[in-house]
Structures are given as C-alpha cells and as structure tokens.
Amino acid sequence: MKVKICGITTKAALAAAVEAGADFVGFVFFNKSKRNISVEKAKELTEFVPQNVKTVGIFVDEPIESLLKTAEDVGLDIVQLHGNESSDYCKKIGEHIQKIKAIKIIDGEFAQNPCDFSEMPLLLDAQNSGFGEKFDWEKVDLSKIRGREFFVAGGLNCENVVSAIKYFAPFAVDVSSGVETDGIKDIEKIKKFCKTAKGDTANV
C-alpha cells in the first residue's frame, strides 16, 4: 500500500516520513491552512527528498499561472487540486505535470463528477478536509470509480487505516491530522501510520 503524508512543514517530519517508507509527501500551498508552507521553505525541504518519494503540492482554486510557477520553483512532481477546479481548469494546466484531483464526499455523494477527471488519479476526502473528519464510507457509490486509481483521505489514523484499506482497496492512503499531536506532526505517529498501512505490524 502506498502512503502519502500531507502537510509537511519541517525537516524532522519530512525525514520521519521518508525513513518510514512514505511514497508521497505533501506540501500545502493554501494560505488559509494552518499547514501552509512558503515556496522558499518547500524548496528547501525538497532538497532532502529522495527520487523514489514523490513531492505533491496541494492547491485550492489557485490561479493557473501561480500554480505553475510554484510547481516549477519548488520542483514538484505532482500537483493536487483540492478545491472546485473544473475539468477545463485541469486541461489548462497541461499534460506535462501529473495531477491528482481531490473530490469531497458530502452526505455520501461525490461533490464533483469523477468522470470529469478521467485522466488523473482521484483523492476522496471529507467535506472539511484537514480537520481529521471521516466521511461516511458506506454511503459512497464506489462503482462510480471502479477501475480508477484513487487515494483515500479524511480522518485516517493509525487505528482505522487498515479498515480503510480493506474497505476501499485504494491505490494509496493519505493522512495529515491523523499523524499530529496538538496540531504538530508527531514523528512516532508518522512511523506507526506508515508501517501499519504497509502491513509491517510486527515492527509497529
């Protein structure tokens, strides 16, 4: 199982994620988020990311020119579109940058049509992302994304990630607040989450 640790803001958290086997590390470029990181700081941190770990920039309805500049300046591998971006918006970004489209689940329904973003992986998240809220798994019509590559987020933590993997059989799991203590990335929780998600329970 692939793992994405999102909301990285410090070298210590990044090192823990990389050492624990995370496949993706996420940097939030949204100034209303408490995990927001500057372009300069993100660029500094990406110097310590090995090639086998993909860097993901999280954007929310960002002007395309600004998104492209940030992606280039930081050297991002992937951009994650976490707002109400349309399929036309995604096309304007171009095919030279890998994209992940986050779709919020509200009352069991997809807030946007997954078919509109057929050329990229999806990320399923709760309505209020970043606050450790879990959406109602059982209400989601998974037939709408059958055969698609997708991430699952929304309230995941060390205790429920195995259940999420069994229920969704996703491409990857995504966590942010679930590996924090008092709003700060917790090194031990990052390690435990990665090992648990990847089935290495003997060493948790």
C-alpha atoms as a PDB file:
ATOM      1  CA  MET A   1       0.000   0.000   0.000  1.00  0.00           C
ATOM      2  CA  LYS A   2       1.286   3.410  -0.940  1.00  0.00           C
ATOM      3  CA  VAL A   3       1.229   6.170   1.683  1.00  0.00           C
ATOM      4  CA  LYS A   4       1.070   9.947   1.429  1.00  0.00           C
ATOM      5  CA  ILE A   5       1.981  12.084   4.421  1.00  0.00           C
ATOM      6  CA  CYS A   6       0.470  15.515   3.851  1.00  0.00           C
ATOM      7  CA  GLY A   7       1.037  18.896   5.429  1.00  0.00           C
ATOM      8  CA  ILE A   8       4.800  18.590   5.851  1.00  0.00           C
ATOM      9  CA  THR A   9       6.356  21.806   7.167  1.00  0.00           C
ATOM     10  CA  THR A  10       9.536  20.711   8.955  1.00  0.00           C
ATOM     11  CA  LYS A  11      12.680  18.775   8.147  1.00  0.00           C
ATOM     12  CA  ALA A  12      12.049  16.452  11.100  1.00  0.00           C
ATOM     13  CA  ALA A  13       8.585  15.477   9.837  1.00  0.00           C
ATOM     14  CA  LEU A  14       9.906  15.026   6.315  1.00  0.00           C
ATOM     15  CA  ALA A  15      12.764  12.831   7.497  1.00  0.00           C
ATOM     16  CA  ALA A  16      10.382  10.698   9.538  1.00  0.00           C
ATOM     17  CA  ALA A  17       8.055  10.227   6.567  1.00  0.00           C
ATOM     18  CA  VAL A  18      10.884   9.288   4.218  1.00  0.00           C
ATOM     19  CA  GLU A  19      12.517   6.929   6.705  1.00  0.00           C
ATOM     20  CA  ALA A  20       9.177   5.254   7.456  1.00  0.00           C
ATOM     21  CA  GLY A  21       8.647   4.483   3.790  1.00  0.00           C
ATOM     22  CA  ALA A  22       6.167   7.134   2.662  1.00  0.00           C
ATOM     23  CA  ASP A  23       5.715   7.166  -1.094  1.00  0.00           C
ATOM     24  CA  PHE A  24       4.409  10.746  -1.308  1.00  0.00           C
ATOM     25  CA  VAL A  25       4.983  13.849   0.823  1.00  0.00           C
ATOM     26  CA  GLY A  26       2.591  16.760   0.551  1.00  0.00           C
ATOM     27  CA  PHE A  27       3.195  20.496   0.880  1.00  0.00           C
ATOM     28  CA  VAL A  28       0.174  22.758   1.307  1.00  0.00           C
ATOM     29  CA  PHE A  29       0.221  25.980  -0.715  1.00  0.00           C
ATOM     30  CA  PHE A  30      -3.050  27.398   0.600  1.00  0.00           C
ATOM     31  CA  ASN A  31      -2.696  30.412   2.851  1.00  0.00           C
ATOM     32  CA  LYS A  32      -5.880  29.644   4.811  1.00  0.00           C
ATOM     33  CA  SER A  33      -4.442  26.348   6.002  1.00  0.00           C
ATOM     34  CA  LYS A  34      -2.550  26.112   9.272  1.00  0.00           C
ATOM     35  CA  ARG A  35      -0.168  23.803   7.403  1.00  0.00           C
ATOM     36  CA  ASN A  36       0.565  26.370   4.716  1.00  0.00           C
ATOM     37  CA  ILE A  37       4.200  26.459   3.667  1.00  0.00           C
ATOM     38  CA  SER A  38       6.112  29.098   1.738  1.00  0.00           C
ATOM     39  CA  VAL A  39       7.629  28.357  -1.648  1.00  0.00           C
ATOM     40  CA  GLU A  40      11.070  29.063  -0.204  1.00  0.00           C
ATOM     41  CA  LYS A  41      10.651  26.636   2.688  1.00  0.00           C
ATOM     42  CA  ALA A  42       9.184  23.931   0.480  1.00  0.00           C
ATOM     43  CA  LYS A  43      12.052  24.280  -1.970  1.00  0.00           C
ATOM     44  CA  GLU A  44      14.490  23.955   0.918  1.00  0.00           C
ATOM     45  CA  LEU A  45      12.804  20.772   2.146  1.00  0.00           C
ATOM     46  CA  THR A  46      12.573  19.115  -1.255  1.00  0.00           C
ATOM     47  CA  GLU A  47      16.364  19.044  -1.332  1.00  0.00           C
ATOM     48  CA  PHE A  48      16.099  16.221   1.214  1.00  0.00           C
ATOM     49  CA  VAL A  49      13.507  14.152  -0.664  1.00  0.00           C
ATOM     50  CA  PRO A  50      14.949  11.087  -2.421  1.00  0.00           C
ATOM     51  CA  GLN A  51      13.920  10.360  -6.001  1.00  0.00           C
ATOM     52  CA  ASN A  52      11.772   7.391  -5.041  1.00  0.00           C
ATOM     53  CA  VAL A  53       9.483   9.677  -2.987  1.00  0.00           C
ATOM     54  CA  LYS A  54       7.146  11.951  -4.929  1.00  0.00           C
ATOM     55  CA  THR A  55       6.583  15.559  -3.855  1.00  0.00           C
ATOM     56  CA  VAL A  56       2.983  16.776  -4.052  1.00  0.00           C
ATOM     57  CA  GLY A  57       1.854  20.392  -3.912  1.00  0.00           C
ATOM     58  CA  ILE A  58      -1.670  20.948  -2.591  1.00  0.00           C
ATOM     59  CA  PHE A  59      -3.530  23.874  -4.162  1.00  0.00           C
ATOM     60  CA  VAL A  60      -7.068  25.176  -3.662  1.00  0.00           C
ATOM     61  CA  ASP A  61      -8.568  27.053  -6.629  1.00  0.00           C
ATOM     62  CA  GLU A  62      -5.183  28.617  -7.317  1.00  0.00           C
ATOM     63  CA  PRO A  63      -4.766  30.784 -10.438  1.00  0.00           C
ATOM     64  CA  ILE A  64      -3.107  28.536 -13.015  1.00  0.00           C
ATOM     65  CA  GLU A  65      -0.161  30.879 -13.612  1.00  0.00           C
ATOM     66  CA  SER A  66       0.617  30.919  -9.889  1.00  0.00           C
ATOM     67  CA  LEU A  67       0.261  27.146  -9.598  1.00  0.00           C
ATOM     68  CA  LEU A  68       2.618  26.524 -12.500  1.00  0.00           C
ATOM     69  CA  LYS A  69       5.201  28.946 -11.127  1.00  0.00           C
ATOM     70  CA  THR A  70       5.130  27.338  -7.690  1.00  0.00           C
ATOM     71  CA  ALA A  71       5.380  23.859  -9.173  1.00  0.00           C
ATOM     72  CA  GLU A  72       8.401  24.889 -11.205  1.00  0.00           C
ATOM     73  CA  ASP A  73      10.111  26.862  -8.433  1.00  0.00           C
ATOM     74  CA  VAL A  74       9.740  24.051  -5.892  1.00  0.00           C
ATOM     75  CA  GLY A  75      10.302  21.248  -8.375  1.00  0.00           C
ATOM     76  CA  LEU A  76       7.066  19.423  -7.561  1.00  0.00           C
ATOM     77  CA  ASP A  77       6.409  16.016  -9.062  1.00  0.00           C
ATOM     78  CA  ILE A  78       2.620  16.250  -8.733  1.00  0.00           C
ATOM     79  CA  VAL A  79       0.006  18.943  -8.140  1.00  0.00           C
ATOM     80  CA  GLN A  80      -3.061  18.092  -6.067  1.00  0.00           C
ATOM     81  CA  LEU A  81      -6.134  20.160  -6.877  1.00  0.00           C
ATOM     82  CA  HIS A  82      -8.133  20.350  -3.689  1.00  0.00           C
ATOM     83  CA  GLY A  83     -10.809  22.925  -4.499  1.00  0.00           C
ATOM     84  CA  ASN A  84     -13.611  23.244  -7.021  1.00  0.00           C
ATOM     85  CA  GLU A  85     -11.333  23.106 -10.045  1.00  0.00           C
ATOM     86  CA  SER A  86     -13.146  22.125 -13.248  1.00  0.00           C
ATOM     87  CA  SER A  87     -12.053  19.677 -15.918  1.00  0.00           C
ATOM     88  CA  ASP A  88     -11.253  22.663 -18.165  1.00  0.00           C
ATOM     89  CA  TYR A  89      -9.004  24.065 -15.438  1.00  0.00           C
ATOM     90  CA  CYS A  90      -7.151  20.747 -15.292  1.00  0.00           C
ATOM     91  CA  LYS A  91      -6.679  20.688 -19.060  1.00  0.00           C
ATOM     92  CA  LYS A  92      -5.220  24.196 -18.994  1.00  0.00           C
ATOM     93  CA  ILE A  93      -2.508  23.056 -16.611  1.00  0.00           C
ATOM     94  CA  GLY A  94      -1.248  20.796 -19.337  1.00  0.00           C
ATOM     95  CA  GLU A  95      -0.153  17.201 -19.569  1.00  0.00           C
ATOM     96  CA  HIS A  96       3.450  17.863 -18.564  1.00  0.00           C
ATOM     97  CA  ILE A  97       2.519  17.946 -14.872  1.00  0.00           C
ATOM     98  CA  GLN A  98       0.984  14.985 -13.069  1.00  0.00           C
ATOM     99  CA  LYS A  99      -2.261  15.833 -11.319  1.00  0.00           C
ATOM    100  CA  ILE A 100      -4.415  14.439  -8.524  1.00  0.00           C
ATOM    101  CA  LYS A 101      -7.993  15.713  -8.273  1.00  0.00           C
ATOM    102  CA  ALA A 102      -9.465  15.738  -4.784  1.00  0.00           C
ATOM    103  CA  ILE A 103     -13.212  15.231  -4.641  1.00  0.00           C
ATOM    104  CA  LYS A 104     -15.056  15.805  -1.412  1.00  0.00           C
ATOM    105  CA  ILE A 105     -17.686  13.347  -0.232  1.00  0.00           C
ATOM    106  CA  ILE A 106     -20.760  15.130   1.117  1.00  0.00           C
ATOM    107  CA  ASP A 107     -23.556  13.008   2.583  1.00  0.00           C
ATOM    108  CA  GLY A 108     -22.161  10.047   0.701  1.00  0.00           C
ATOM    109  CA  GLU A 109     -22.196  11.827  -2.659  1.00  0.00           C
ATOM    110  CA  PHE A 110     -19.316  12.974  -4.841  1.00  0.00           C
ATOM    111  CA  ALA A 111     -19.233  16.786  -4.790  1.00  0.00           C
ATOM    112  CA  GLN A 112     -17.903  16.667  -8.364  1.00  0.00           C
ATOM    113  CA  ASN A 113     -18.378  14.071 -11.073  1.00  0.00           C
ATOM    114  CA  PRO A 114     -15.413  11.658 -11.082  1.00  0.00           C
ATOM    115  CA  CYS A 115     -15.929  11.108 -14.825  1.00  0.00           C
ATOM    116  CA  ASP A 116     -14.931  14.733 -15.462  1.00  0.00           C
ATOM    117  CA  PHE A 117     -11.417  13.882 -14.306  1.00  0.00           C
ATOM    118  CA  SER A 118     -10.911  10.547 -16.021  1.00  0.00           C
ATOM    119  CA  GLU A 119      -7.285  11.189 -16.948  1.00  0.00           C
ATOM    120  CA  MET A 120      -5.921  11.558 -13.429  1.00  0.00           C
ATOM    121  CA  PRO A 121      -5.979   9.811 -10.043  1.00  0.00           C
ATOM    122  CA  LEU A 122      -8.648  10.942  -7.597  1.00  0.00           C
ATOM    123  CA  LEU A 123      -8.471  11.636  -3.885  1.00  0.00           C
ATOM    124  CA  LEU A 124     -11.581  11.065  -1.781  1.00  0.00           C
ATOM    125  CA  ASP A 125     -11.827  13.399   1.200  1.00  0.00           C
ATOM    126  CA  ALA A 126     -14.272  14.638   3.795  1.00  0.00           C
ATOM    127  CA  GLN A 127     -16.162  17.893   3.307  1.00  0.00           C
ATOM    128  CA  ASN A 128     -13.926  19.749   5.771  1.00  0.00           C
ATOM    129  CA  SER A 129     -10.501  18.457   4.849  1.00  0.00           C
ATOM    130  CA  GLY A 130      -7.553  18.756   7.197  1.00  0.00           C
ATOM    131  CA  PHE A 131      -9.580  18.518  10.396  1.00  0.00           C
ATOM    132  CA  GLY A 132      -9.498  14.787  10.933  1.00  0.00           C
ATOM    133  CA  GLU A 133     -13.093  14.327   9.801  1.00  0.00           C
ATOM    134  CA  LYS A 134     -14.075  10.943   8.377  1.00  0.00           C
ATOM    135  CA  PHE A 135     -16.730  10.763   5.672  1.00  0.00           C
ATOM    136  CA  ASP A 136     -19.371   8.026   5.664  1.00  0.00           C
ATOM    137  CA  TRP A 137     -17.592   5.249   3.810  1.00  0.00           C
ATOM    138  CA  GLU A 138     -20.642   3.027   3.472  1.00  0.00           C
ATOM    139  CA  LYS A 139     -22.718   5.656   1.644  1.00  0.00           C
ATOM    140  CA  VAL A 140     -20.254   6.151  -1.208  1.00  0.00           C
ATOM    141  CA  ASP A 141     -21.118   4.508  -4.518  1.00  0.00           C
ATOM    142  CA  LEU A 142     -17.731   3.035  -5.319  1.00  0.00           C
ATOM    143  CA  SER A 143     -18.990   1.722  -8.656  1.00  0.00           C
ATOM    144  CA  LYS A 144     -18.536   5.273  -9.965  1.00  0.00           C
ATOM    145  CA  ILE A 145     -14.779   4.952  -9.598  1.00  0.00           C
ATOM    146  CA  ARG A 146     -14.362   1.258 -10.280  1.00  0.00           C
ATOM    147  CA  GLY A 147     -11.085   0.622 -12.049  1.00  0.00           C
ATOM    148  CA  ARG A 148      -9.787   4.071 -11.166  1.00  0.00           C
ATOM    149  CA  GLU A 149      -6.574   4.847  -9.308  1.00  0.00           C
ATOM    150  CA  PHE A 150      -7.515   6.754  -6.163  1.00  0.00           C
ATOM    151  CA  PHE A 151      -6.295   7.913  -2.775  1.00  0.00           C
ATOM    152  CA  VAL A 152      -8.417   7.809   0.369  1.00  0.00           C
ATOM    153  CA  ALA A 153      -8.146  10.602   2.938  1.00  0.00           C
ATOM    154  CA  GLY A 154     -10.414  12.053   5.584  1.00  0.00           C
ATOM    155  CA  GLY A 155      -9.897  11.245   9.240  1.00  0.00           C
ATOM    156  CA  LEU A 156      -7.455   8.401   8.735  1.00  0.00           C
ATOM    157  CA  ASN A 157      -5.148   7.471  11.589  1.00  0.00           C
ATOM    158  CA  CYS A 158      -3.123   4.555  12.896  1.00  0.00           C
ATOM    159  CA  GLU A 159      -6.250   2.921  14.321  1.00  0.00           C
ATOM    160  CA  ASN A 160      -8.515   2.946  11.265  1.00  0.00           C
ATOM    161  CA  VAL A 161      -6.165   2.884   8.263  1.00  0.00           C
ATOM    162  CA  VAL A 162      -6.224  -0.912   7.943  1.00  0.00           C
ATOM    163  CA  SER A 163     -10.028  -0.858   7.887  1.00  0.00           C
ATOM    164  CA  ALA A 164      -9.937   1.838   5.190  1.00  0.00           C
ATOM    165  CA  ILE A 165      -7.556  -0.223   3.072  1.00  0.00           C
ATOM    166  CA  LYS A 166      -9.743  -3.324   3.387  1.00  0.00           C
ATOM    167  CA  TYR A 167     -12.926  -1.391   2.583  1.00  0.00           C
ATOM    168  CA  PHE A 168     -11.740   0.725  -0.337  1.00  0.00           C
ATOM    169  CA  ALA A 169      -8.759  -1.218  -1.735  1.00  0.00           C
ATOM    170  CA  PRO A 170      -7.289   2.138  -2.807  1.00  0.00           C
ATOM    171  CA  PHE A 171      -4.098   2.937  -4.661  1.00  0.00           C
ATOM    172  CA  ALA A 172      -2.891   4.925  -1.643  1.00  0.00           C
ATOM    173  CA  VAL A 173      -3.922   6.312   1.732  1.00  0.00           C
ATOM    174  CA  ASP A 174      -3.415   9.953   2.689  1.00  0.00           C
ATOM    175  CA  VAL A 175      -3.013  11.354   6.190  1.00  0.00           C
ATOM    176  CA  SER A 176      -2.337  14.731   7.775  1.00  0.00           C
ATOM    177  CA  SER A 177      -4.031  15.478  11.105  1.00  0.00           C
ATOM    178  CA  GLY A 178      -4.079  11.764  11.921  1.00  0.00           C
ATOM    179  CA  VAL A 179      -0.312  11.845  12.477  1.00  0.00           C
ATOM    180  CA  GLU A 180      -0.322  15.008  14.570  1.00  0.00           C
ATOM    181  CA  THR A 181      -0.385  15.741  18.277  1.00  0.00           C
ATOM    182  CA  ASP A 182      -1.746  19.145  19.266  1.00  0.00           C
ATOM    183  CA  GLY A 183      -1.593  20.262  15.645  1.00  0.00           C
ATOM    184  CA  ILE A 184       2.075  19.327  15.170  1.00  0.00           C
ATOM    185  CA  LYS A 185       3.376  16.404  13.138  1.00  0.00           C
ATOM    186  CA  ASP A 186       4.202  13.571  15.544  1.00  0.00           C
ATOM    187  CA  ILE A 187       7.273  11.603  14.482  1.00  0.00           C
ATOM    188  CA  GLU A 188       6.171   8.381  16.162  1.00  0.00           C
ATOM    189  CA  LYS A 189       2.669   8.587  14.679  1.00  0.00           C
ATOM    190  CA  ILE A 190       4.115   9.104  11.204  1.00  0.00           C
ATOM    191  CA  LYS A 191       6.260   5.998  11.603  1.00  0.00           C
ATOM    192  CA  LYS A 192       3.405   3.935  13.024  1.00  0.00           C
ATOM    193  CA  PHE A 193       0.959   5.018  10.305  1.00  0.00           C
ATOM    194  CA  CYS A 194       3.347   4.105   7.507  1.00  0.00           C
ATOM    195  CA  LYS A 195       4.222   0.738   8.976  1.00  0.00           C
ATOM    196  CA  THR A 196       0.582  -0.087   9.747  1.00  0.00           C
ATOM    197  CA  ALA A 197      -0.623   0.901   6.284  1.00  0.00           C
ATOM    198  CA  LYS A 198       2.107  -1.135   4.648  1.00  0.00           C
ATOM    199  CA  GLY A 199       1.331  -4.191   6.761  1.00  0.00           C
ATOM    200  CA  ASP A 200       4.510  -4.119   8.830  1.00  0.00           C
ATOM    201  CA  THR A 201       2.593  -4.544  12.100  1.00  0.00           C
ATOM    202  CA  ALA A 202       5.333  -6.654  13.628  1.00  0.00           C
ATOM    203  CA  ASN A 203       7.516  -3.575  13.840  1.00  0.00           C
ATOM    204  CA  VAL A 204       4.879  -1.052  14.918  1.00  0.00           C
END
